[in-house]
N, C-alpha and C. Protein backbone atom coordinates (compact mmCIF):
# COMPACT_ATOMS: atom_id res chain seq x y z
N MET A 1 47.62 111.55 174.85
CA MET A 1 48.75 112.80 174.65
C MET A 1 47.55 114.07 175.15
N ALA A 2 48.44 114.64 176.06
CA ALA A 2 48.19 115.74 176.70
C ALA A 2 48.02 117.24 175.56
N THR A 3 46.92 117.89 175.48
CA THR A 3 47.19 118.92 174.91
C THR A 3 47.86 120.00 175.58
N GLU A 4 48.31 121.09 175.15
CA GLU A 4 48.99 121.97 176.36
C GLU A 4 48.15 123.34 175.60
N SER A 5 47.73 123.74 177.17
CA SER A 5 47.12 125.00 176.66
C SER A 5 47.65 126.19 176.29
N THR A 6 47.18 127.45 175.26
CA THR A 6 47.91 128.60 175.19
C THR A 6 47.50 129.50 175.76
N GLU A 7 48.51 130.74 176.19
CA GLU A 7 48.12 131.56 177.10
C GLU A 7 48.50 132.86 176.01
N ARG A 8 47.30 133.48 176.82
CA ARG A 8 47.11 134.63 176.07
C ARG A 8 47.70 135.98 177.12
N THR A 9 48.00 136.69 176.84
CA THR A 9 48.01 137.94 178.07
C THR A 9 47.76 139.46 177.85
N LEU A 10 47.20 139.74 178.75
CA LEU A 10 46.40 141.35 178.84
C LEU A 10 47.55 141.86 180.03
N ASP A 11 47.87 143.08 179.64
CA ASP A 11 48.73 144.05 180.69
C ASP A 11 47.54 144.93 180.89
N VAL A 12 47.06 144.79 181.71
CA VAL A 12 46.07 146.27 182.06
C VAL A 12 47.22 147.60 182.74
N ARG A 13 48.11 147.58 182.81
CA ARG A 13 49.25 148.65 183.28
C ARG A 13 49.69 149.76 181.88
N GLU A 14 48.54 148.87 181.01
CA GLU A 14 49.15 149.92 179.39
C GLU A 14 47.55 150.42 178.95
N ILE A 15 46.54 150.48 179.84
CA ILE A 15 45.17 150.48 179.53
C ILE A 15 45.20 152.16 180.47
N ASP A 16 44.02 153.20 179.88
CA ASP A 16 43.68 154.56 180.54
C ASP A 16 42.92 153.95 180.95
N GLY A 17 42.66 154.55 181.95
CA GLY A 17 41.27 154.04 182.89
C GLY A 17 41.02 152.75 183.31
N PRO A 18 39.79 152.53 183.74
CA PRO A 18 39.37 150.99 184.23
C PRO A 18 39.69 149.89 183.30
N PRO A 19 40.12 149.34 184.10
CA PRO A 19 40.72 147.89 182.87
C PRO A 19 39.15 146.88 182.86
N PHE A 20 38.14 146.94 183.49
CA PHE A 20 37.46 145.53 183.53
C PHE A 20 36.86 145.62 182.28
N ASP A 21 36.28 146.73 181.70
CA ASP A 21 36.18 145.90 179.82
C ASP A 21 36.81 145.30 179.27
N ASP A 22 38.13 145.80 179.36
CA ASP A 22 39.00 145.32 178.41
C ASP A 22 39.44 143.34 178.92
N ILE A 23 39.27 143.18 180.47
CA ILE A 23 39.35 142.62 181.14
C ILE A 23 38.16 141.59 180.66
N MET A 24 36.86 141.91 180.74
CA MET A 24 35.34 140.75 180.44
C MET A 24 35.82 140.65 178.80
N ALA A 25 36.13 141.61 177.71
CA ALA A 25 36.31 141.16 176.61
C ALA A 25 37.57 140.04 176.26
N ALA A 26 38.29 140.34 176.86
CA ALA A 26 39.24 139.41 176.71
C ALA A 26 39.05 137.82 177.18
N LEU A 27 37.98 137.93 178.40
CA LEU A 27 37.94 136.64 179.05
C LEU A 27 36.38 136.17 177.72
N GLU A 28 35.68 137.28 177.13
CA GLU A 28 34.81 136.42 176.00
C GLU A 28 35.31 135.50 174.85
N GLU A 29 36.92 136.16 174.49
CA GLU A 29 36.83 135.60 173.56
C GLU A 29 38.71 134.64 173.89
N LEU A 30 38.55 133.94 175.27
CA LEU A 30 39.38 133.26 175.67
C LEU A 30 38.38 131.37 175.28
N GLU A 31 38.90 130.71 174.57
CA GLU A 31 38.53 129.77 174.52
C GLU A 31 39.16 128.68 175.40
N THR A 32 38.08 127.63 175.30
CA THR A 32 38.29 126.41 176.47
C THR A 32 39.83 126.26 177.09
N GLU A 33 40.39 125.21 176.09
CA GLU A 33 42.18 125.31 176.05
C GLU A 33 42.69 126.56 176.39
N GLN A 34 42.04 127.64 176.44
CA GLN A 34 43.43 129.11 176.52
C GLN A 34 43.45 129.22 177.85
N ARG A 35 44.30 129.85 178.16
CA ARG A 35 43.98 130.45 179.68
C ARG A 35 44.65 131.97 179.47
N LEU A 36 44.49 133.01 180.21
CA LEU A 36 44.66 134.10 179.94
C LEU A 36 45.45 134.74 181.80
N ARG A 37 46.88 135.45 181.13
CA ARG A 37 47.63 136.01 182.23
C ARG A 37 47.43 137.56 182.26
N LEU A 38 46.96 138.00 183.16
CA LEU A 38 46.32 139.13 183.22
C LEU A 38 47.79 139.77 184.30
N ILE A 39 48.07 141.07 184.21
CA ILE A 39 49.51 141.43 184.76
C ILE A 39 48.73 142.94 185.00
N ALA A 40 48.87 143.31 186.57
CA ALA A 40 48.70 144.49 187.03
C ALA A 40 48.89 144.95 188.26
N PRO A 41 49.11 146.11 188.15
CA PRO A 41 50.08 146.87 188.97
C PRO A 41 49.28 147.16 190.51
N PHE A 42 48.46 145.59 191.05
CA PHE A 42 47.93 145.44 191.74
C PHE A 42 46.97 144.26 191.69
N GLU A 43 46.65 143.93 193.33
CA GLU A 43 45.85 142.86 193.39
C GLU A 43 44.52 142.74 193.06
N PRO A 44 44.04 142.36 191.93
CA PRO A 44 42.55 142.65 191.43
C PRO A 44 41.82 141.90 192.16
N LYS A 45 41.66 142.20 193.61
CA LYS A 45 40.48 141.42 194.08
C LYS A 45 39.05 141.28 193.91
N PRO A 46 38.56 142.49 193.16
CA PRO A 46 37.40 142.70 192.78
C PRO A 46 37.07 141.83 191.85
N LEU A 47 37.66 141.31 191.25
CA LEU A 47 37.92 140.98 190.15
C LEU A 47 37.72 138.81 190.26
N TYR A 48 38.10 138.72 191.25
CA TYR A 48 38.01 137.42 191.75
C TYR A 48 36.80 136.70 191.61
N GLU A 49 35.62 137.33 192.36
CA GLU A 49 34.36 136.79 192.71
C GLU A 49 33.68 137.22 190.83
N VAL A 50 33.61 137.88 190.53
CA VAL A 50 33.67 137.80 188.99
C VAL A 50 33.60 136.91 188.37
N LEU A 51 35.26 136.56 188.24
CA LEU A 51 35.99 135.50 187.79
C LEU A 51 35.14 133.93 188.20
N ASP A 52 34.45 133.81 189.65
CA ASP A 52 33.76 132.82 189.83
C ASP A 52 32.51 132.66 189.45
N ASP A 53 31.68 133.69 189.33
CA ASP A 53 30.74 133.88 188.82
C ASP A 53 30.26 132.90 187.25
N ARG A 54 31.17 133.43 186.21
CA ARG A 54 31.26 133.54 185.29
C ARG A 54 32.05 132.39 184.67
N GLY A 55 32.72 130.94 185.97
CA GLY A 55 33.32 129.88 185.89
C GLY A 55 34.51 129.50 185.69
N PHE A 56 34.90 130.51 185.82
CA PHE A 56 36.71 131.02 185.98
C PHE A 56 37.32 130.62 186.86
N THR A 57 38.47 130.30 186.97
CA THR A 57 39.28 129.77 188.18
C THR A 57 40.69 130.76 188.10
N HIS A 58 41.21 130.71 189.15
CA HIS A 58 42.43 131.80 189.24
C HIS A 58 43.49 131.34 190.17
N GLU A 59 44.71 131.84 189.56
CA GLU A 59 45.92 131.65 190.77
C GLU A 59 46.33 133.07 190.30
N SER A 60 46.60 133.98 191.79
CA SER A 60 47.76 134.89 191.69
C SER A 60 49.31 134.70 192.42
N ARG A 61 49.86 135.96 191.70
CA ARG A 61 51.11 135.89 192.28
C ARG A 61 51.29 137.20 192.41
N GLU A 62 51.94 137.50 193.49
CA GLU A 62 52.89 139.11 193.58
C GLU A 62 54.26 138.89 192.93
N ARG A 63 54.83 139.79 192.05
CA ARG A 63 56.06 140.05 191.35
C ARG A 63 56.86 140.96 192.15
N GLU A 64 57.64 140.57 191.19
CA GLU A 64 58.69 142.34 191.57
C GLU A 64 58.33 142.86 191.73
N GLY A 65 58.45 143.97 192.45
CA GLY A 65 57.46 145.66 192.12
C GLY A 65 56.28 145.83 192.55
N GLY A 66 55.57 144.49 193.30
CA GLY A 66 54.21 145.06 193.27
C GLY A 66 53.33 144.57 191.93
N VAL A 67 54.14 143.85 190.94
CA VAL A 67 53.08 143.47 189.96
C VAL A 67 52.64 142.55 189.94
N TRP A 68 51.07 142.05 189.76
CA TRP A 68 50.34 141.26 189.90
C TRP A 68 50.69 140.14 188.84
N HIS A 69 50.60 138.80 188.72
CA HIS A 69 50.12 138.39 187.85
C HIS A 69 48.87 136.65 187.95
N VAL A 70 47.48 137.18 187.17
CA VAL A 70 46.74 136.67 187.63
C VAL A 70 46.27 135.74 186.68
N LEU A 71 46.77 134.28 186.61
CA LEU A 71 45.96 133.14 185.30
C LEU A 71 45.41 132.76 185.69
N ILE A 72 44.30 132.85 184.43
CA ILE A 72 42.77 132.49 184.47
C ILE A 72 42.45 131.46 183.46
N GLU A 73 41.70 130.87 183.91
CA GLU A 73 41.68 129.76 182.72
C GLU A 73 39.80 129.07 183.13
N HIS A 74 38.98 128.45 181.81
CA HIS A 74 38.40 127.74 182.18
C HIS A 74 38.06 126.70 183.65
N ALA A 75 37.06 127.18 184.63
CA ALA A 75 36.60 125.73 185.32
C ALA A 75 36.31 124.91 184.85
């Protein structure tokens, strides 16, 4: 029986200022079986290398209105 991963969402459009610290805090709280859906008003390209360095994988998609959804999980 496969276990379903639970998903948490962080919408950085609601954050004043640079969202990097908020994203890092959310990743630190992420359990092994969880994934994080990051919602951003731009493609967070600088974040991808940080995710790789910290052992996370990501899948990015641009949605309607230029909003980006990035699914992040432990590698």
